[in-house]
């Protein structure tokens, strides 16, 4: 399964679960806390899952969007490397 690493140890998501990648804004802290338990230091972007969870990411939103787009261009789950 192809996954996107979000910049924190042990935190990655299957590409197929991603619905959107947002720029981080403190207004999202409540949603992040609900999904992840806390807002970790260094959050730069937020990945919204197909299930509606808001997951923090330390990597820039543009980088995550490029990796997600590359995965989609490869046929949404074809052969490829882990999104690091």
PDB file of N, CA and C in Angstrom:
ATOM      1  N   UNK A   1       0.852  -1.175   0.000  1.00  0.00           N
ATOM      2  CA  UNK A   1       0.000   0.000   0.000  1.00  0.00           C
ATOM      3  C   UNK A   1       0.896   1.235   0.000  1.00  0.00           C
ATOM      4  N   UNK A   2       0.587   2.185  -0.834  1.00  0.00           N
ATOM      5  CA  UNK A   2       1.342   3.429  -0.907  1.00  0.00           C
ATOM      6  C   UNK A   2       0.838   4.395   0.150  1.00  0.00           C
ATOM      7  N   UNK A   3       1.777   4.962   0.905  1.00  0.00           N
ATOM      8  CA  UNK A   3       1.407   5.890   1.954  1.00  0.00           C
ATOM      9  C   UNK A   3       2.169   7.196   1.825  1.00  0.00           C
ATOM     10  N   UNK A   4       1.605   8.240   2.396  1.00  0.00           N
ATOM     11  CA  UNK A   4       2.221   9.557   2.419  1.00  0.00           C
ATOM     12  C   UNK A   4       2.680   9.833   3.838  1.00  0.00           C
ATOM     13  N   UNK A   5       3.985  10.034   4.004  1.00  0.00           N
ATOM     14  CA  UNK A   5       4.548  10.358   5.313  1.00  0.00           C
ATOM     15  C   UNK A   5       4.284  11.826   5.595  1.00  0.00           C
ATOM     16  N   UNK A   6       3.840  12.136   6.811  1.00  0.00           N
ATOM     17  CA  UNK A   6       3.424  13.490   7.148  1.00  0.00           C
ATOM     18  C   UNK A   6       4.460  14.275   7.943  1.00  0.00           C
ATOM     19  N   UNK A   7       5.655  13.719   8.090  1.00  0.00           N
ATOM     20  CA  UNK A   7       6.724  14.465   8.719  1.00  0.00           C
ATOM     21  C   UNK A   7       6.917  14.200  10.199  1.00  0.00           C
ATOM     22  N   UNK A   8       6.092  13.346  10.767  1.00  0.00           N
ATOM     23  CA  UNK A   8       6.229  12.961  12.171  1.00  0.00           C
ATOM     24  C   UNK A   8       6.444  11.449  12.223  1.00  0.00           C
ATOM     25  N   UNK A   9       7.294  10.991  13.143  1.00  0.00           N
ATOM     26  CA  UNK A   9       7.550   9.559  13.267  1.00  0.00           C
ATOM     27  C   UNK A   9       6.250   8.796  13.462  1.00  0.00           C
ATOM     28  N   UNK A  10       6.059   7.781  12.644  1.00  0.00           N
ATOM     29  CA  UNK A  10       4.888   6.925  12.764  1.00  0.00           C
ATOM     30  C   UNK A  10       3.600   7.518  12.233  1.00  0.00           C
ATOM     31  N   UNK A  11       3.657   8.670  11.593  1.00  0.00           N
ATOM     32  CA  UNK A  11       2.429   9.286  11.096  1.00  0.00           C
ATOM     33  C   UNK A  11       2.465   9.348   9.577  1.00  0.00           C
ATOM     34  N   UNK A  12       1.720   8.438   8.971  1.00  0.00           N
ATOM     35  CA  UNK A  12       1.553   8.444   7.534  1.00  0.00           C
ATOM     36  C   UNK A  12       0.140   7.981   7.228  1.00  0.00           C
ATOM     37  N   UNK A  13      -0.313   8.278   6.030  1.00  0.00           N
ATOM     38  CA  UNK A  13      -1.665   7.925   5.606  1.00  0.00           C
ATOM     39  C   UNK A  13      -1.611   7.255   4.242  1.00  0.00           C
ATOM     40  N   UNK A  14      -2.491   6.280   4.021  1.00  0.00           N
ATOM     41  CA  UNK A  14      -2.607   5.739   2.666  1.00  0.00           C
ATOM     42  C   UNK A  14      -3.080   6.855   1.724  1.00  0.00           C
ATOM     43  N   UNK A  15      -2.456   6.951   0.561  1.00  0.00           N
ATOM     44  CA  UNK A  15      -2.842   7.985  -0.396  1.00  0.00           C
ATOM     45  C   UNK A  15      -4.340   7.958  -0.688  1.00  0.00           C
ATOM     46  N   UNK A  16      -4.909   6.781  -0.776  1.00  0.00           N
ATOM     47  CA  UNK A  16      -6.324   6.655  -1.095  1.00  0.00           C
ATOM     48  C   UNK A  16      -7.260   7.204  -0.042  1.00  0.00           C
ATOM     49  N   UNK A  17      -6.758   7.466   1.155  1.00  0.00           N
ATOM     50  CA  UNK A  17      -7.569   8.018   2.242  1.00  0.00           C
ATOM     51  C   UNK A  17      -7.579   9.545   2.246  1.00  0.00           C
ATOM     52  N   UNK A  18      -6.749  10.168   1.419  1.00  0.00           N
ATOM     53  CA  UNK A  18      -6.606  11.621   1.441  1.00  0.00           C
ATOM     54  C   UNK A  18      -7.715  12.271   0.616  1.00  0.00           C
ATOM     55  N   UNK A  19      -8.375  13.260   1.240  1.00  0.00           N
ATOM     56  CA  UNK A  19      -9.417  14.025   0.544  1.00  0.00           C
ATOM     57  C   UNK A  19      -8.935  15.421   0.189  1.00  0.00           C
ATOM     58  N   UNK A  20      -8.046  15.991   1.020  1.00  0.00           N
ATOM     59  CA  UNK A  20      -7.553  17.349   0.775  1.00  0.00           C
ATOM     60  C   UNK A  20      -6.287  17.588   1.594  1.00  0.00           C
ATOM     61  N   UNK A  21      -5.491  18.546   1.132  1.00  0.00           N
ATOM     62  CA  UNK A  21      -4.318  19.011   1.876  1.00  0.00           C
ATOM     63  C   UNK A  21      -4.480  20.517   2.045  1.00  0.00           C
ATOM     64  N   UNK A  22      -4.493  20.958   3.296  1.00  0.00           N
ATOM     65  CA  UNK A  22      -4.721  22.364   3.616  1.00  0.00           C
ATOM     66  C   UNK A  22      -3.482  23.003   4.217  1.00  0.00           C
ATOM     67  N   UNK A  23      -3.380  24.305   4.087  1.00  0.00           N
ATOM     68  CA  UNK A  23      -2.374  25.050   4.832  1.00  0.00           C
ATOM     69  C   UNK A  23      -2.814  25.070   6.292  1.00  0.00           C
ATOM     70  N   UNK A  24      -1.858  24.949   7.198  1.00  0.00           N
ATOM     71  CA  UNK A  24      -2.211  24.989   8.613  1.00  0.00           C
ATOM     72  C   UNK A  24      -2.658  26.390   9.014  1.00  0.00           C
ATOM     73  N   UNK A  25      -3.669  26.439   9.836  1.00  0.00           N
ATOM     74  CA  UNK A  25      -4.130  27.674  10.469  1.00  0.00           C
ATOM     75  C   UNK A  25      -4.598  27.306  11.868  1.00  0.00           C
ATOM     76  N   UNK A  26      -4.286  28.131  12.878  1.00  0.00           N
ATOM     77  CA  UNK A  26      -4.693  27.804  14.244  1.00  0.00           C
ATOM     78  C   UNK A  26      -6.189  27.533  14.415  1.00  0.00           C
ATOM     79  N   UNK A  27      -7.007  28.057  13.509  1.00  0.00           N
ATOM     80  CA  UNK A  27      -8.450  27.796  13.591  1.00  0.00           C
ATOM     81  C   UNK A  27      -8.763  26.301  13.435  1.00  0.00           C
ATOM     82  N   UNK A  28      -7.810  25.524  12.900  1.00  0.00           N
ATOM     83  CA  UNK A  28      -8.009  24.079  12.714  1.00  0.00           C
ATOM     84  C   UNK A  28      -7.586  23.260  13.929  1.00  0.00           C
ATOM     85  N   UNK A  29      -7.042  23.914  14.953  1.00  0.00           N
ATOM     86  CA  UNK A  29      -6.526  23.187  16.121  1.00  0.00           C
ATOM     87  C   UNK A  29      -7.555  22.258  16.755  1.00  0.00           C
ATOM     88  N   UNK A  30      -8.795  22.687  16.862  1.00  0.00           N
ATOM     89  CA  UNK A  30      -9.835  21.848  17.463  1.00  0.00           C
ATOM     90  C   UNK A  30     -10.066  20.571  16.669  1.00  0.00           C
ATOM     91  N   UNK A  31     -10.098  20.680  15.367  1.00  0.00           N
ATOM     92  CA  UNK A  31     -10.296  19.504  14.511  1.00  0.00           C
ATOM     93  C   UNK A  31      -9.087  18.576  14.571  1.00  0.00           C
ATOM     94  N   UNK A  32      -7.880  19.164  14.605  1.00  0.00           N
ATOM     95  CA  UNK A  32      -6.665  18.348  14.714  1.00  0.00           C
ATOM     96  C   UNK A  32      -6.653  17.603  16.045  1.00  0.00           C
ATOM     97  N   UNK A  33      -6.955  18.309  17.126  1.00  0.00           N
ATOM     98  CA  UNK A  33      -6.979  17.693  18.454  1.00  0.00           C
ATOM     99  C   UNK A  33      -8.008  16.575  18.514  1.00  0.00           C
ATOM    100  N   UNK A  34      -9.147  16.779  17.907  1.00  0.00           N
ATOM    101  CA  UNK A  34     -10.187  15.741  17.899  1.00  0.00           C
ATOM    102  C   UNK A  34      -9.693  14.471  17.198  1.00  0.00           C
ATOM    103  N   UNK A  35      -8.976  14.633  16.102  1.00  0.00           N
ATOM    104  CA  UNK A  35      -8.531  13.476  15.313  1.00  0.00           C
ATOM    105  C   UNK A  35      -7.235  12.864  15.831  1.00  0.00           C
ATOM    106  N   UNK A  36      -6.324  13.706  16.321  1.00  0.00           N
ATOM    107  CA  UNK A  36      -4.965  13.251  16.634  1.00  0.00           C
ATOM    108  C   UNK A  36      -4.656  13.253  18.127  1.00  0.00           C
ATOM    109  N   UNK A  37      -5.452  13.971  18.907  1.00  0.00           N
ATOM    110  CA  UNK A  37      -5.247  14.022  20.350  1.00  0.00           C
ATOM    111  C   UNK A  37      -4.562  15.280  20.834  1.00  0.00           C
ATOM    112  N   UNK A  38      -3.791  15.927  19.968  1.00  0.00           N
ATOM    113  CA  UNK A  38      -3.109  17.176  20.297  1.00  0.00           C
ATOM    114  C   UNK A  38      -2.610  17.802  18.998  1.00  0.00           C
ATOM    115  N   UNK A  39      -2.141  19.030  19.114  1.00  0.00           N
ATOM    116  CA  UNK A  39      -1.514  19.694  17.979  1.00  0.00           C
ATOM    117  C   UNK A  39      -0.004  19.630  18.224  1.00  0.00           C
ATOM    118  N   UNK A  40       0.712  18.807  17.478  1.00  0.00           N
ATOM    119  CA  UNK A  40       2.156  18.672  17.709  1.00  0.00           C
ATOM    120  C   UNK A  40       2.911  19.932  17.277  1.00  0.00           C
ATOM    121  N   UNK A  41       4.106  20.127  17.793  1.00  0.00           N
ATOM    122  CA  UNK A  41       4.885  21.293  17.383  1.00  0.00           C
ATOM    123  C   UNK A  41       5.298  21.205  15.916  1.00  0.00           C
ATOM    124  N   UNK A  42       5.383  22.355  15.282  1.00  0.00           N
ATOM    125  CA  UNK A  42       5.887  22.410  13.918  1.00  0.00           C
ATOM    126  C   UNK A  42       4.880  22.099  12.825  1.00  0.00           C
ATOM    127  N   UNK A  43       3.591  22.123  13.128  1.00  0.00           N
ATOM    128  CA  UNK A  43       2.589  21.824  12.094  1.00  0.00           C
ATOM    129  C   UNK A  43       2.641  22.893  11.012  1.00  0.00           C
ATOM    130  N   UNK A  44       2.718  22.447   9.760  1.00  0.00           N
ATOM    131  CA  UNK A  44       2.753  23.370   8.620  1.00  0.00           C
ATOM    132  C   UNK A  44       1.566  23.179   7.689  1.00  0.00           C
ATOM    133  N   UNK A  45       0.961  21.991   7.753  1.00  0.00           N
ATOM    134  CA  UNK A  45      -0.184  21.710   6.894  1.00  0.00           C
ATOM    135  C   UNK A  45      -1.075  20.687   7.585  1.00  0.00           C
ATOM    136  N   UNK A  46      -2.237  20.466   6.994  1.00  0.00           N
ATOM    137  CA  UNK A  46      -3.221  19.547   7.559  1.00  0.00           C
ATOM    138  C   UNK A  46      -3.763  18.691   6.424  1.00  0.00           C
ATOM    139  N   UNK A  47      -3.798  17.381   6.646  1.00  0.00           N
ATOM    140  CA  UNK A  47      -4.359  16.470   5.651  1.00  0.00           C
ATOM    141  C   UNK A  47      -5.742  16.051   6.138  1.00  0.00           C
ATOM    142  N   UNK A  48      -6.726  16.254   5.284  1.00  0.00           N
ATOM    143  CA  UNK A  48      -8.096  15.850   5.588  1.00  0.00           C
ATOM    144  C   UNK A  48      -8.322  14.483   4.963  1.00  0.00           C
ATOM    145  N   UNK A  49      -8.803  13.548   5.766  1.00  0.00           N
ATOM    146  CA  UNK A  49      -9.028  12.198   5.263  1.00  0.00           C
ATOM    147  C   UNK A  49     -10.431  12.060   4.679  1.00  0.00           C
ATOM    148  N   UNK A  50     -10.632  10.982   3.945  1.00  0.00           N
ATOM    149  CA  UNK A  50     -11.947  10.693   3.366  1.00  0.00           C
ATOM    150  C   UNK A  50     -13.005  10.564   4.453  1.00  0.00           C
ATOM    151  N   UNK A  51     -12.588  10.169   5.643  1.00  0.00           N
ATOM    152  CA  UNK A  51     -13.511  10.042   6.767  1.00  0.00           C
ATOM    153  C   UNK A  51     -13.741  11.331   7.534  1.00  0.00           C
ATOM    154  N   UNK A  52     -13.085  12.417   7.115  1.00  0.00           N
ATOM    155  CA  UNK A  52     -13.300  13.712   7.748  1.00  0.00           C
ATOM    156  C   UNK A  52     -12.343  14.058   8.869  1.00  0.00           C
ATOM    157  N   UNK A  53     -11.307  13.249   9.099  1.00  0.00           N
ATOM    158  CA  UNK A  53     -10.326  13.554  10.142  1.00  0.00           C
ATOM    159  C   UNK A  53      -9.334  14.587   9.630  1.00  0.00           C
ATOM    160  N   UNK A  54      -8.915  15.477  10.493  1.00  0.00           N
ATOM    161  CA  UNK A  54      -7.917  16.501  10.179  1.00  0.00           C
ATOM    162  C   UNK A  54      -6.616  16.086  10.872  1.00  0.00           C
ATOM    163  N   UNK A  55      -5.636  15.675  10.074  1.00  0.00           N
ATOM    164  CA  UNK A  55      -4.392  15.108  10.583  1.00  0.00           C
ATOM    165  C   UNK A  55      -3.252  16.089  10.351  1.00  0.00           C
ATOM    166  N   UNK A  56      -2.447  16.365  11.399  1.00  0.00           N
ATOM    167  CA  UNK A  56      -1.367  17.343  11.249  1.00  0.00           C
ATOM    168  C   UNK A  56      -0.209  16.811  10.415  1.00  0.00           C
ATOM    169  N   UNK A  57       0.472  17.721   9.741  1.00  0.00           N
ATOM    170  CA  UNK A  57       1.664  17.367   8.970  1.00  0.00           C
ATOM    171  C   UNK A  57       2.728  18.436   9.192  1.00  0.00           C
ATOM    172  N   UNK A  58       3.962  18.003   9.320  1.00  0.00           N
ATOM    173  CA  UNK A  58       5.079  18.935   9.490  1.00  0.00           C
ATOM    174  C   UNK A  58       5.637  19.380   8.137  1.00  0.00           C
ATOM    175  N   UNK A  59       5.310  18.663   7.091  1.00  0.00           N
ATOM    176  CA  UNK A  59       5.799  19.004   5.752  1.00  0.00           C
ATOM    177  C   UNK A  59       4.921  20.094   5.137  1.00  0.00           C
ATOM    178  N   UNK A  60       5.486  20.900   4.231  1.00  0.00           N
ATOM    179  CA  UNK A  60       4.697  21.959   3.578  1.00  0.00           C
ATOM    180  C   UNK A  60       3.555  21.381   2.744  1.00  0.00           C
ATOM    181  N   UNK A  61       2.450  22.091   2.722  1.00  0.00           N
ATOM    182  CA  UNK A  61       1.280  21.642   1.968  1.00  0.00           C
ATOM    183  C   UNK A  61       1.603  21.415   0.500  1.00  0.00           C
ATOM    184  N   UNK A  62       2.392  22.300  -0.099  1.00  0.00           N
ATOM    185  CA  UNK A  62       2.698  22.164  -1.528  1.00  0.00           C
ATOM    186  C   UNK A  62       3.457  20.873  -1.821  1.00  0.00           C
ATOM    187  N   UNK A  63       4.380  20.496  -0.953  1.00  0.00           N
ATOM    188  CA  UNK A  63       5.120  19.244  -1.132  1.00  0.00           C
ATOM    189  C   UNK A  63       4.176  18.045  -1.028  1.00  0.00           C
ATOM    190  N   UNK A  64       3.294  18.060  -0.037  1.00  0.00           N
ATOM    191  CA  UNK A  64       2.334  16.959   0.115  1.00  0.00           C
ATOM    192  C   UNK A  64       1.403  16.883  -1.086  1.00  0.00           C
ATOM    193  N   UNK A  65       0.970  18.031  -1.577  1.00  0.00           N
ATOM    194  CA  UNK A  65       0.086  18.055  -2.751  1.00  0.00           C
ATOM    195  C   UNK A  65       0.784  17.486  -3.981  1.00  0.00           C
ATOM    196  N   UNK A  66       2.060  17.812  -4.175  1.00  0.00           N
ATOM    197  CA  UNK A  66       2.803  17.263  -5.318  1.00  0.00           C
ATOM    198  C   UNK A  66       2.923  15.750  -5.218  1.00  0.00           C
ATOM    199  N   UNK A  67       3.232  15.238  -4.044  1.00  0.00           N
ATOM    200  CA  UNK A  67       3.363  13.784  -3.874  1.00  0.00           C
ATOM    201  C   UNK A  67       2.025  13.087  -4.079  1.00  0.00           C
ATOM    202  N   UNK A  68       0.963  13.679  -3.584  1.00  0.00           N
ATOM    203  CA  UNK A  68      -0.380  13.111  -3.764  1.00  0.00           C
ATOM    204  C   UNK A  68      -0.752  13.124  -5.240  1.00  0.00           C
ATOM    205  N   UNK A  69      -0.470  14.229  -5.943  1.00  0.00           N
ATOM    206  CA  UNK A  69      -0.765  14.328  -7.379  1.00  0.00           C
ATOM    207  C   UNK A  69       0.041  13.301  -8.175  1.00  0.00           C
ATOM    208  N   UNK A  70       1.299  13.105  -7.809  1.00  0.00           N
ATOM    209  CA  UNK A  70       2.133  12.116  -8.507  1.00  0.00           C
ATOM    210  C   UNK A  70       1.540  10.721  -8.327  1.00  0.00           C
ATOM    211  N   UNK A  71       1.086  10.404  -7.124  1.00  0.00           N
ATOM    212  CA  UNK A  71       0.464   9.107  -6.874  1.00  0.00           C
ATOM    213  C   UNK A  71      -0.792   8.942  -7.732  1.00  0.00           C
ATOM    214  N   UNK A  72      -1.624   9.974  -7.787  1.00  0.00           N
ATOM    215  CA  UNK A  72      -2.843   9.905  -8.608  1.00  0.00           C
ATOM    216  C   UNK A  72      -2.498   9.734 -10.082  1.00  0.00           C
ATOM    217  N   UNK A  73      -1.457  10.423 -10.545  1.00  0.00           N
ATOM    218  CA  UNK A  73      -1.050  10.327 -11.948  1.00  0.00           C
ATOM    219  C   UNK A  73      -0.528   8.934 -12.301  1.00  0.00           C
ATOM    220  N   UNK A  74      -0.030   8.209 -11.322  1.00  0.00           N
ATOM    221  CA  UNK A  74       0.484   6.859 -11.545  1.00  0.00           C
ATOM    222  C   UNK A  74      -0.637   5.818 -11.565  1.00  0.00           C
ATOM    223  N   UNK A  75      -1.858   6.262 -11.509  1.00  0.00           N
ATOM    224  CA  UNK A  75      -2.967   5.330 -11.573  1.00  0.00           C
ATOM    225  C   UNK A  75      -3.588   5.028 -10.231  1.00  0.00           C
ATOM    226  N   UNK A  76      -3.408   5.916  -9.272  1.00  0.00           N
ATOM    227  CA  UNK A  76      -4.041   5.796  -7.956  1.00  0.00           C
ATOM    228  C   UNK A  76      -3.829   4.424  -7.339  1.00  0.00           C
ATOM    229  N   UNK A  77      -2.583   4.128  -7.088  1.00  0.00           N
ATOM    230  CA  UNK A  77      -2.292   2.895  -6.387  1.00  0.00           C
ATOM    231  C   UNK A  77      -1.425   1.948  -7.160  1.00  0.00           C
ATOM    232  N   UNK A  78      -0.911   2.418  -8.292  1.00  0.00           N
ATOM    233  CA  UNK A  78       0.001   1.576  -9.063  1.00  0.00           C
ATOM    234  C   UNK A  78       1.304   1.381  -8.310  1.00  0.00           C
ATOM    235  N   UNK A  79       2.267   0.808  -8.970  1.00  0.00           N
ATOM    236  CA  UNK A  79       3.560   0.563  -8.347  1.00  0.00           C
ATOM    237  C   UNK A  79       4.236   1.890  -8.025  1.00  0.00           C
ATOM    238  N   UNK A  80       4.983   1.924  -6.952  1.00  0.00           N
ATOM    239  CA  UNK A  80       5.689   3.150  -6.611  1.00  0.00           C
ATOM    240  C   UNK A  80       6.295   3.058  -5.243  1.00  0.00           C
ATOM    241  N   UNK A  81       7.005   4.094  -4.887  1.00  0.00           N
ATOM    242  CA  UNK A  81       7.669   4.162  -3.608  1.00  0.00           C
ATOM    243  C   UNK A  81       6.777   4.820  -2.581  1.00  0.00           C
ATOM    244  N   UNK A  82       7.097   4.570  -1.347  1.00  0.00           N
ATOM    245  CA  UNK A  82       6.457   5.252  -0.235  1.00  0.00           C
ATOM    246  C   UNK A  82       6.704   6.744  -0.413  1.00  0.00           C
ATOM    247  N   UNK A  83       5.720   7.582  -0.113  1.00  0.00           N
ATOM    248  CA  UNK A  83       5.785   9.004  -0.393  1.00  0.00           C
ATOM    249  C   UNK A  83       6.673   9.808   0.512  1.00  0.00           C
ATOM    250  N   UNK A  84       7.955   9.484   0.580  1.00  0.00           N
ATOM    251  CA  UNK A  84       8.874  10.260   1.422  1.00  0.00           C
ATOM    252  C   UNK A  84       9.692  11.176   0.582  1.00  0.00           C
TER     253      UNK A  84
END
